[in-house]
Amino acid sequence: MISQRFNLNLLLLLIIIILLIVAIFYPVALIPAALAGAFIDGYPFARIFIPIPLLILFLLGLHNDFYAFGTLAMILLLVLLFIRSITKHFSFKF
């Protein structure tokens, strides 16, 4: 059985990834992504690791200094966390 907390964490990760893709063009989308990141539970340091870099990326987006690279790096990290959580929970092997 899949727990409801696991489902909520996966849903929040997907929402954050989608908002980060939108944030490449509209930096304001980082604010709801950071707010959604504050509710992720069950990953070590996730409540600090996700929202604070997103808010820092928002400040970089205001000045366009390495904004696109930082956003793509954050998307990559969250996709890897998403894949890791699925493989760990369902015991998939690639």
PDB file of N, CA and C in Angstrom:
ATOM      1  N   MET A   1       0.829  -1.185   0.000  1.00  0.00           N
ATOM      2  CA  MET A   1       0.000   0.000   0.000  1.00  0.00           C
ATOM      3  C   MET A   1       0.870   1.244   0.000  1.00  0.00           C
ATOM      4  N   ILE A   2       0.404   2.234  -0.664  1.00  0.00           N
ATOM      5  CA  ILE A   2       1.118   3.503  -0.712  1.00  0.00           C
ATOM      6  C   ILE A   2       0.507   4.425   0.331  1.00  0.00           C
ATOM      7  N   SER A   3       1.346   5.022   1.132  1.00  0.00           N
ATOM      8  CA  SER A   3       0.827   5.915   2.167  1.00  0.00           C
ATOM      9  C   SER A   3       0.388   7.242   1.563  1.00  0.00           C
ATOM     10  N   GLN A   4      -0.506   7.907   2.270  1.00  0.00           N
ATOM     11  CA  GLN A   4      -0.993   9.200   1.788  1.00  0.00           C
ATOM     12  C   GLN A   4       0.103  10.253   1.848  1.00  0.00           C
ATOM     13  N   ARG A   5       0.985  10.148   2.831  1.00  0.00           N
ATOM     14  CA  ARG A   5       2.078  11.114   2.931  1.00  0.00           C
ATOM     15  C   ARG A   5       3.019  10.989   1.737  1.00  0.00           C
ATOM     16  N   PHE A   6       3.283   9.758   1.301  1.00  0.00           N
ATOM     17  CA  PHE A   6       4.129   9.542   0.129  1.00  0.00           C
ATOM     18  C   PHE A   6       3.474  10.129  -1.112  1.00  0.00           C
ATOM     19  N   ASN A   7       2.162   9.920  -1.271  1.00  0.00           N
ATOM     20  CA  ASN A   7       1.444  10.491  -2.412  1.00  0.00           C
ATOM     21  C   ASN A   7       1.503  12.008  -2.392  1.00  0.00           C
ATOM     22  N   LEU A   8       1.345  12.608  -1.231  1.00  0.00           N
ATOM     23  CA  LEU A   8       1.392  14.063  -1.112  1.00  0.00           C
ATOM     24  C   LEU A   8       2.782  14.595  -1.448  1.00  0.00           C
ATOM     25  N   ASN A   9       3.817  13.893  -0.994  1.00  0.00           N
ATOM     26  CA  ASN A   9       5.179  14.321  -1.311  1.00  0.00           C
ATOM     27  C   ASN A   9       5.449  14.255  -2.809  1.00  0.00           C
ATOM     28  N   LEU A  10       4.996  13.188  -3.466  1.00  0.00           N
ATOM     29  CA  LEU A  10       5.189  13.084  -4.913  1.00  0.00           C
ATOM     30  C   LEU A  10       4.415  14.161  -5.650  1.00  0.00           C
ATOM     31  N   LEU A  11       3.196  14.433  -5.194  1.00  0.00           N
ATOM     32  CA  LEU A  11       2.398  15.482  -5.824  1.00  0.00           C
ATOM     33  C   LEU A  11       3.062  16.847  -5.660  1.00  0.00           C
ATOM     34  N   LEU A  12       3.582  17.124  -4.469  1.00  0.00           N
ATOM     35  CA  LEU A  12       4.264  18.399  -4.247  1.00  0.00           C
ATOM     36  C   LEU A  12       5.533  18.507  -5.087  1.00  0.00           C
ATOM     37  N   LEU A  13       6.276  17.414  -5.220  1.00  0.00           N
ATOM     38  CA  LEU A  13       7.475  17.445  -6.065  1.00  0.00           C
ATOM     39  C   LEU A  13       7.114  17.716  -7.519  1.00  0.00           C
ATOM     40  N   LEU A  14       6.048  17.091  -8.004  1.00  0.00           N
ATOM     41  CA  LEU A  14       5.624  17.343  -9.383  1.00  0.00           C
ATOM     42  C   LEU A  14       5.172  18.786  -9.572  1.00  0.00           C
ATOM     43  N   ILE A  15       4.451  19.328  -8.595  1.00  0.00           N
ATOM     44  CA  ILE A  15       4.010  20.725  -8.679  1.00  0.00           C
ATOM     45  C   ILE A  15       5.210  21.660  -8.701  1.00  0.00           C
ATOM     46  N   ILE A  16       6.199  21.388  -7.852  1.00  0.00           N
ATOM     47  CA  ILE A  16       7.391  22.240  -7.806  1.00  0.00           C
ATOM     48  C   ILE A  16       8.154  22.161  -9.127  1.00  0.00           C
ATOM     49  N   ILE A  17       8.283  20.961  -9.697  1.00  0.00           N
ATOM     50  CA  ILE A  17       8.991  20.815 -10.972  1.00  0.00           C
ATOM     51  C   ILE A  17       8.265  21.569 -12.079  1.00  0.00           C
ATOM     52  N   ILE A  18       6.940  21.468 -12.116  1.00  0.00           N
ATOM     53  CA  ILE A  18       6.163  22.203 -13.125  1.00  0.00           C
ATOM     54  C   ILE A  18       6.312  23.704 -12.928  1.00  0.00           C
ATOM     55  N   LEU A  19       6.255  24.163 -11.677  1.00  0.00           N
ATOM     56  CA  LEU A  19       6.419  25.595 -11.417  1.00  0.00           C
ATOM     57  C   LEU A  19       7.823  26.073 -11.775  1.00  0.00           C
ATOM     58  N   LEU A  20       8.829  25.219 -11.606  1.00  0.00           N
ATOM     59  CA  LEU A  20      10.183  25.604 -12.000  1.00  0.00           C
ATOM     60  C   LEU A  20      10.310  25.722 -13.511  1.00  0.00           C
ATOM     61  N   ILE A  21       9.625  24.857 -14.232  1.00  0.00           N
ATOM     62  CA  ILE A  21       9.645  24.973 -15.692  1.00  0.00           C
ATOM     63  C   ILE A  21       8.977  26.274 -16.115  1.00  0.00           C
ATOM     64  N   VAL A  22       7.869  26.618 -15.466  1.00  0.00           N
ATOM     65  CA  VAL A  22       7.202  27.895 -15.746  1.00  0.00           C
ATOM     66  C   VAL A  22       8.092  29.061 -15.328  1.00  0.00           C
ATOM     67  N   ALA A  23       8.860  28.873 -14.248  1.00  0.00           N
ATOM     68  CA  ALA A  23       9.695  29.951 -13.715  1.00  0.00           C
ATOM     69  C   ALA A  23      10.851  30.312 -14.634  1.00  0.00           C
ATOM     70  N   ILE A  24      11.182  29.449 -15.586  1.00  0.00           N
ATOM     71  CA  ILE A  24      12.223  29.809 -16.542  1.00  0.00           C
ATOM     72  C   ILE A  24      11.807  31.060 -17.305  1.00  0.00           C
ATOM     73  N   PHE A  25      10.518  31.175 -17.580  1.00  0.00           N
ATOM     74  CA  PHE A  25      10.017  32.334 -18.322  1.00  0.00           C
ATOM     75  C   PHE A  25       9.424  33.408 -17.412  1.00  0.00           C
ATOM     76  N   TYR A  26       8.831  33.001 -16.278  1.00  0.00           N
ATOM     77  CA  TYR A  26       8.202  33.936 -15.339  1.00  0.00           C
ATOM     78  C   TYR A  26       8.743  33.674 -13.937  1.00  0.00           C
ATOM     79  N   PRO A  27       9.732  34.456 -13.474  1.00  0.00           N
ATOM     80  CA  PRO A  27      10.357  34.191 -12.173  1.00  0.00           C
ATOM     81  C   PRO A  27       9.400  34.244 -10.985  1.00  0.00           C
ATOM     82  N   VAL A  28       8.234  34.846 -11.146  1.00  0.00           N
ATOM     83  CA  VAL A  28       7.285  34.939 -10.032  1.00  0.00           C
ATOM     84  C   VAL A  28       6.777  33.554  -9.628  1.00  0.00           C
ATOM     85  N   ALA A  29       6.863  32.579 -10.519  1.00  0.00           N
ATOM     86  CA  ALA A  29       6.409  31.219 -10.212  1.00  0.00           C
ATOM     87  C   ALA A  29       7.282  30.546  -9.159  1.00  0.00           C
ATOM     88  N   LEU A  30       8.431  31.125  -8.837  1.00  0.00           N
ATOM     89  CA  LEU A  30       9.283  30.538  -7.799  1.00  0.00           C
ATOM     90  C   LEU A  30       8.697  30.722  -6.404  1.00  0.00           C
ATOM     91  N   ILE A  31       7.892  31.748  -6.214  1.00  0.00           N
ATOM     92  CA  ILE A  31       7.316  31.985  -4.886  1.00  0.00           C
ATOM     93  C   ILE A  31       6.351  30.861  -4.498  1.00  0.00           C
ATOM     94  N   PRO A  32       5.361  30.485  -5.352  1.00  0.00           N
ATOM     95  CA  PRO A  32       4.526  29.344  -4.957  1.00  0.00           C
ATOM     96  C   PRO A  32       5.301  28.031  -4.894  1.00  0.00           C
ATOM     97  N   ALA A  33       6.351  27.898  -5.698  1.00  0.00           N
ATOM     98  CA  ALA A  33       7.167  26.681  -5.627  1.00  0.00           C
ATOM     99  C   ALA A  33       7.877  26.598  -4.281  1.00  0.00           C
ATOM    100  N   ALA A  34       8.368  27.723  -3.786  1.00  0.00           N
ATOM    101  CA  ALA A  34       9.018  27.738  -2.472  1.00  0.00           C
ATOM    102  C   ALA A  34       8.010  27.457  -1.367  1.00  0.00           C
ATOM    103  N   LEU A  35       6.808  27.988  -1.504  1.00  0.00           N
ATOM    104  CA  LEU A  35       5.768  27.710  -0.507  1.00  0.00           C
ATOM    105  C   LEU A  35       5.381  26.233  -0.520  1.00  0.00           C
ATOM    106  N   ALA A  36       5.274  25.637  -1.692  1.00  0.00           N
ATOM    107  CA  ALA A  36       4.955  24.204  -1.779  1.00  0.00           C
ATOM    108  C   ALA A  36       6.100  23.367  -1.217  1.00  0.00           C
ATOM    109  N   GLY A  37       7.329  23.823  -1.402  1.00  0.00           N
ATOM    110  CA  GLY A  37       8.480  23.094  -0.873  1.00  0.00           C
ATOM    111  C   GLY A  37       8.532  23.061   0.638  1.00  0.00           C
ATOM    112  N   ALA A  38       7.889  24.023   1.280  1.00  0.00           N
ATOM    113  CA  ALA A  38       7.879  24.046   2.741  1.00  0.00           C
ATOM    114  C   ALA A  38       7.002  22.947   3.328  1.00  0.00           C
ATOM    115  N   PHE A  39       6.133  22.357   2.527  1.00  0.00           N
ATOM    116  CA  PHE A  39       5.220  21.333   3.029  1.00  0.00           C
ATOM    117  C   PHE A  39       5.676  19.914   2.736  1.00  0.00           C
ATOM    118  N   ILE A  40       6.809  19.752   2.070  1.00  0.00           N
ATOM    119  CA  ILE A  40       7.313  18.401   1.794  1.00  0.00           C
ATOM    120  C   ILE A  40       7.847  17.815   3.091  1.00  0.00           C
ATOM    121  N   ASP A  41       7.432  16.588   3.378  1.00  0.00           N
ATOM    122  CA  ASP A  41       7.823  15.941   4.621  1.00  0.00           C
ATOM    123  C   ASP A  41       8.404  14.571   4.290  1.00  0.00           C
ATOM    124  N   GLY A  42       9.372  14.142   5.051  1.00  0.00           N
ATOM    125  CA  GLY A  42       9.911  12.807   4.879  1.00  0.00           C
ATOM    126  C   GLY A  42      11.263  12.738   4.205  1.00  0.00           C
ATOM    127  N   TYR A  43      11.729  13.823   3.620  1.00  0.00           N
ATOM    128  CA  TYR A  43      13.053  13.852   3.018  1.00  0.00           C
ATOM    129  C   TYR A  43      13.977  14.638   3.941  1.00  0.00           C
ATOM    130  N   PRO A  44      15.213  14.177   4.114  1.00  0.00           N
ATOM    131  CA  PRO A  44      16.107  14.908   5.013  1.00  0.00           C
ATOM    132  C   PRO A  44      16.403  16.315   4.499  1.00  0.00           C
ATOM    133  N   PHE A  45      16.233  17.284   5.346  1.00  0.00           N
ATOM    134  CA  PHE A  45      16.524  18.700   5.081  1.00  0.00           C
ATOM    135  C   PHE A  45      15.694  19.285   3.937  1.00  0.00           C
ATOM    136  N   ALA A  46      14.595  18.638   3.557  1.00  0.00           N
ATOM    137  CA  ALA A  46      13.804  19.117   2.417  1.00  0.00           C
ATOM    138  C   ALA A  46      13.113  20.437   2.721  1.00  0.00           C
ATOM    139  N   ARG A  47      12.722  20.648   3.967  1.00  0.00           N
ATOM    140  CA  ARG A  47      12.024  21.894   4.300  1.00  0.00           C
ATOM    141  C   ARG A  47      12.942  23.102   4.208  1.00  0.00           C
ATOM    142  N   ILE A  48      14.243  22.884   4.284  1.00  0.00           N
ATOM    143  CA  ILE A  48      15.202  23.982   4.139  1.00  0.00           C
ATOM    144  C   ILE A  48      15.828  23.947   2.751  1.00  0.00           C
ATOM    145  N   PHE A  49      16.128  22.745   2.261  1.00  0.00           N
ATOM    146  CA  PHE A  49      16.876  22.591   1.013  1.00  0.00           C
ATOM    147  C   PHE A  49      16.094  23.064  -0.209  1.00  0.00           C
ATOM    148  N   ILE A  50      14.776  22.917  -0.205  1.00  0.00           N
ATOM    149  CA  ILE A  50      13.997  23.304  -1.386  1.00  0.00           C
ATOM    150  C   ILE A  50      13.570  24.770  -1.357  1.00  0.00           C
ATOM    151  N   PRO A  51      12.927  25.282  -0.296  1.00  0.00           N
ATOM    152  CA  PRO A  51      12.411  26.665  -0.370  1.00  0.00           C
ATOM    153  C   PRO A  51      13.479  27.751  -0.425  1.00  0.00           C
ATOM    154  N   ILE A  52      14.548  27.623   0.335  1.00  0.00           N
ATOM    155  CA  ILE A  52      15.546  28.699   0.392  1.00  0.00           C
ATOM    156  C   ILE A  52      16.264  28.878  -0.943  1.00  0.00           C
ATOM    157  N   PRO A  53      16.738  27.802  -1.613  1.00  0.00           N
ATOM    158  CA  PRO A  53      17.326  28.029  -2.948  1.00  0.00           C
ATOM    159  C   PRO A  53      16.335  28.593  -3.960  1.00  0.00           C
ATOM    160  N   LEU A  54      15.057  28.232  -3.837  1.00  0.00           N
ATOM    161  CA  LEU A  54      14.074  28.781  -4.766  1.00  0.00           C
ATOM    162  C   LEU A  54      13.898  30.279  -4.561  1.00  0.00           C
ATOM    163  N   LEU A  55      13.908  30.720  -3.318  1.00  0.00           N
ATOM    164  CA  LEU A  55      13.799  32.160  -3.067  1.00  0.00           C
ATOM    165  C   LEU A  55      15.066  32.892  -3.505  1.00  0.00           C
ATOM    166  N   ILE A  56      16.222  32.253  -3.354  1.00  0.00           N
ATOM    167  CA  ILE A  56      17.465  32.854  -3.855  1.00  0.00           C
ATOM    168  C   ILE A  56      17.426  32.937  -5.380  1.00  0.00           C
ATOM    169  N   LEU A  57      16.882  31.897  -6.031  1.00  0.00           N
ATOM    170  CA  LEU A  57      16.725  31.944  -7.488  1.00  0.00           C
ATOM    171  C   LEU A  57      15.782  33.063  -7.904  1.00  0.00           C
ATOM    172  N   PHE A  58      14.766  33.335  -7.091  1.00  0.00           N
ATOM    173  CA  PHE A  58      13.849  34.437  -7.401  1.00  0.00           C
ATOM    174  C   PHE A  58      14.603  35.761  -7.402  1.00  0.00           C
ATOM    175  N   LEU A  59      15.478  35.952  -6.427  1.00  0.00           N
ATOM    176  CA  LEU A  59      16.274  37.183  -6.394  1.00  0.00           C
ATOM    177  C   LEU A  59      17.221  37.252  -7.588  1.00  0.00           C
ATOM    178  N   LEU A  60      17.805  36.120  -7.970  1.00  0.00           N
ATOM    179  CA  LEU A  60      18.660  36.104  -9.157  1.00  0.00           C
ATOM    180  C   LEU A  60      17.850  36.374 -10.420  1.00  0.00           C
ATOM    181  N   GLY A  61      16.605  35.922 -10.441  1.00  0.00           N
ATOM    182  CA  GLY A  61      15.751  36.151 -11.601  1.00  0.00           C
ATOM    183  C   GLY A  61      15.429  37.612 -11.806  1.00  0.00           C
ATOM    184  N   LEU A  62      15.464  38.377 -10.734  1.00  0.00           N
ATOM    185  CA  LEU A  62      15.212  39.808 -10.863  1.00  0.00           C
ATOM    186  C   LEU A  62      16.354  40.505 -11.586  1.00  0.00           C
ATOM    187  N   HIS A  63      17.557  39.939 -11.494  1.00  0.00           N
ATOM    188  CA  HIS A  63      18.726  40.561 -12.116  1.00  0.00           C
ATOM    189  C   HIS A  63      19.272  39.762 -13.299  1.00  0.00           C
ATOM    190  N   ASN A  64      18.729  38.575 -13.557  1.00  0.00           N
ATOM    191  CA  ASN A  64      19.147  37.701 -14.662  1.00  0.00           C
ATOM    192  C   ASN A  64      20.591  37.229 -14.549  1.00  0.00           C
ATOM    193  N   ASP A  65      21.123  37.101 -13.359  1.00  0.00           N
ATOM    194  CA  ASP A  65      22.479  36.590 -13.165  1.00  0.00           C
ATOM    195  C   ASP A  65      22.423  35.084 -12.927  1.00  0.00           C
ATOM    196  N   PHE A  66      22.820  34.313 -13.908  1.00  0.00           N
ATOM    197  CA  PHE A  66      22.849  32.849 -13.828  1.00  0.00           C
ATOM    198  C   PHE A  66      21.486  32.264 -13.471  1.00  0.00           C
ATOM    199  N   TYR A  67      20.424  32.954 -13.809  1.00  0.00           N
ATOM    200  CA  TYR A  67      19.084  32.517 -13.421  1.00  0.00           C
ATOM    201  C   TYR A  67      18.676  31.234 -14.139  1.00  0.00           C
ATOM    202  N   ALA A  68      18.859  31.186 -15.444  1.00  0.00           N
ATOM    203  CA  ALA A  68      18.436  30.001 -16.204  1.00  0.00           C
ATOM    204  C   ALA A  68      19.233  28.772 -15.783  1.00  0.00           C
ATOM    205  N   PHE A  69      20.536  28.929 -15.569  1.00  0.00           N
ATOM    206  CA  PHE A  69      21.361  27.797 -15.143  1.00  0.00           C
ATOM    207  C   PHE A  69      20.932  27.313 -13.764  1.00  0.00           C
ATOM    208  N   GLY A  70      20.699  28.227 -12.851  1.00  0.00           N
ATOM    209  CA  GLY A  70      20.268  27.845 -11.504  1.00  0.00           C
ATOM    210  C   GLY A  70      18.919  27.158 -11.502  1.00  0.00           C
ATOM    211  N   THR A  71      18.005  27.636 -12.332  1.00  0.00           N
ATOM    212  CA  THR A  71      16.685  27.014 -12.410  1.00  0.00           C
ATOM    213  C   THR A  71      16.777  25.610 -12.988  1.00  0.00           C
ATOM    214  N   LEU A  72      17.567  25.435 -14.031  1.00  0.00           N
ATOM    215  CA  LEU A  72      17.731  24.099 -14.614  1.00  0.00           C
ATOM    216  C   LEU A  72      18.432  23.146 -13.649  1.00  0.00           C
ATOM    217  N   ALA A  73      19.394  23.643 -12.886  1.00  0.00           N
ATOM    218  CA  ALA A  73      20.067  22.801 -11.896  1.00  0.00           C
ATOM    219  C   ALA A  73      19.094  22.370 -10.801  1.00  0.00           C
ATOM    220  N   MET A  74      18.223  23.273 -10.366  1.00  0.00           N
ATOM    221  CA  MET A  74      17.234  22.932  -9.342  1.00  0.00           C
ATOM    222  C   MET A  74      16.218  21.925  -9.882  1.00  0.00           C
ATOM    223  N   ILE A  75      15.815  22.081 -11.152  1.00  0.00           N
ATOM    224  CA  ILE A  75      14.904  21.105 -11.762  1.00  0.00           C
ATOM    225  C   ILE A  75      15.568  19.729 -11.794  1.00  0.00           C
ATOM    226  N   LEU A  76      16.840  19.674 -12.175  1.00  0.00           N
ATOM    227  CA  LEU A  76      17.557  18.406 -12.231  1.00  0.00           C
ATOM    228  C   LEU A  76      17.634  17.752 -10.853  1.00  0.00           C
ATOM    229  N   LEU A  77      17.944  18.528  -9.819  1.00  0.00           N
ATOM    230  CA  LEU A  77      18.013  17.969  -8.468  1.00  0.00           C
ATOM    231  C   LEU A  77      16.661  17.433  -8.009  1.00  0.00           C
ATOM    232  N   LEU A  78      15.586  18.163  -8.300  1.00  0.00           N
ATOM    233  CA  LEU A  78      14.267  17.703  -7.879  1.00  0.00           C
ATOM    234  C   LEU A  78      13.803  16.485  -8.679  1.00  0.00           C
ATOM    235  N   VAL A  79      14.158  16.417  -9.953  1.00  0.00           N
ATOM    236  CA  VAL A  79      13.813  15.227 -10.739  1.00  0.00           C
ATOM    237  C   VAL A  79      14.566  14.013 -10.199  1.00  0.00           C
ATOM    238  N   LEU A  80      15.826  14.189  -9.842  1.00  0.00           N
ATOM    239  CA  LEU A  80      16.582  13.079  -9.253  1.00  0.00           C
ATOM    240  C   LEU A  80      15.999  12.655  -7.908  1.00  0.00           C
ATOM    241  N   LEU A  81      15.551  13.617  -7.092  1.00  0.00           N
ATOM    242  CA  LEU A  81      14.898  13.290  -5.827  1.00  0.00           C
ATOM    243  C   LEU A  81      13.587  12.552  -6.079  1.00  0.00           C
ATOM    244  N   PHE A  82      12.848  12.976  -7.098  1.00  0.00           N
ATOM    245  CA  PHE A  82      11.591  12.318  -7.462  1.00  0.00           C
ATOM    246  C   PHE A  82      11.846  10.874  -7.892  1.00  0.00           C
ATOM    247  N   ILE A  83      12.832  10.659  -8.753  1.00  0.00           N
ATOM    248  CA  ILE A  83      13.154   9.305  -9.216  1.00  0.00           C
ATOM    249  C   ILE A  83      13.648   8.448  -8.060  1.00  0.00           C
ATOM    250  N   ARG A  84      14.460   9.032  -7.189  1.00  0.00           N
ATOM    251  CA  ARG A  84      14.983   8.279  -6.046  1.00  0.00           C
ATOM    252  C   ARG A  84      13.860   7.857  -5.107  1.00  0.00           C
ATOM    253  N   SER A  85      12.898   8.753  -4.871  1.00  0.00           N
ATOM    254  CA  SER A  85      11.814   8.403  -3.959  1.00  0.00           C
ATOM    255  C   SER A  85      10.924   7.314  -4.543  1.00  0.00           C
ATOM    256  N   ILE A  86      10.706   7.340  -5.858  1.00  0.00           N
ATOM    257  CA  ILE A  86       9.893   6.288  -6.481  1.00  0.00           C
ATOM    258  C   ILE A  86      10.633   4.953  -6.454  1.00  0.00           C
ATOM    259  N   THR A  87      11.916   4.961  -6.803  1.00  0.00           N
ATOM    260  CA  THR A  87      12.666   3.701  -6.823  1.00  0.00           C
ATOM    261  C   THR A  87      12.841   3.136  -5.418  1.00  0.00           C
ATOM    262  N   LYS A  88      12.976   3.986  -4.433  1.00  0.00           N
ATOM    263  CA  LYS A  88      13.138   3.523  -3.057  1.00  0.00           C
ATOM    264  C   LYS A  88      11.833   2.953  -2.519  1.00  0.00           C
ATOM    265  N   HIS A  89      10.714   3.598  -2.846  1.00  0.00           N
ATOM    266  CA  HIS A  89       9.436   3.170  -2.297  1.00  0.00           C
ATOM    267  C   HIS A  89       8.903   1.915  -2.985  1.00  0.00           C
ATOM    268  N   PHE A  90       9.076   1.821  -4.293  1.00  0.00           N
ATOM    269  CA  PHE A  90       8.538   0.683  -5.026  1.00  0.00           C
ATOM    270  C   PHE A  90       9.583  -0.384  -5.316  1.00  0.00           C
ATOM    271  N   SER A  91      10.816  -0.197  -4.889  1.00  0.00           N
ATOM    272  CA  SER A  91      11.925  -1.133  -5.094  1.00  0.00           C
ATOM    273  C   SER A  91      12.163  -1.433  -6.569  1.00  0.00           C
ATOM    274  N   PHE A  92      12.085  -0.402  -7.406  1.00  0.00           N
ATOM    275  CA  PHE A  92      12.407  -0.561  -8.824  1.00  0.00           C
ATOM    276  C   PHE A  92      13.914  -0.623  -8.983  1.00  0.00           C
ATOM    277  N   LYS A  93      14.352  -1.326 -10.021  1.00  0.00           N
ATOM    278  CA  LYS A  93      15.773  -1.362 -10.347  1.00  0.00           C
ATOM    279  C   LYS A  93      15.904  -1.058 -11.825  1.00  0.00           C
ATOM    280  N   PHE A  94      16.790  -0.128 -12.140  1.00  0.00           N
ATOM    281  CA  PHE A  94      17.014   0.231 -13.538  1.00  0.00           C
ATOM    282  C   PHE A  94      18.231  -0.489 -14.057  1.00  0.00           C
TER     283      PHE A  94
END
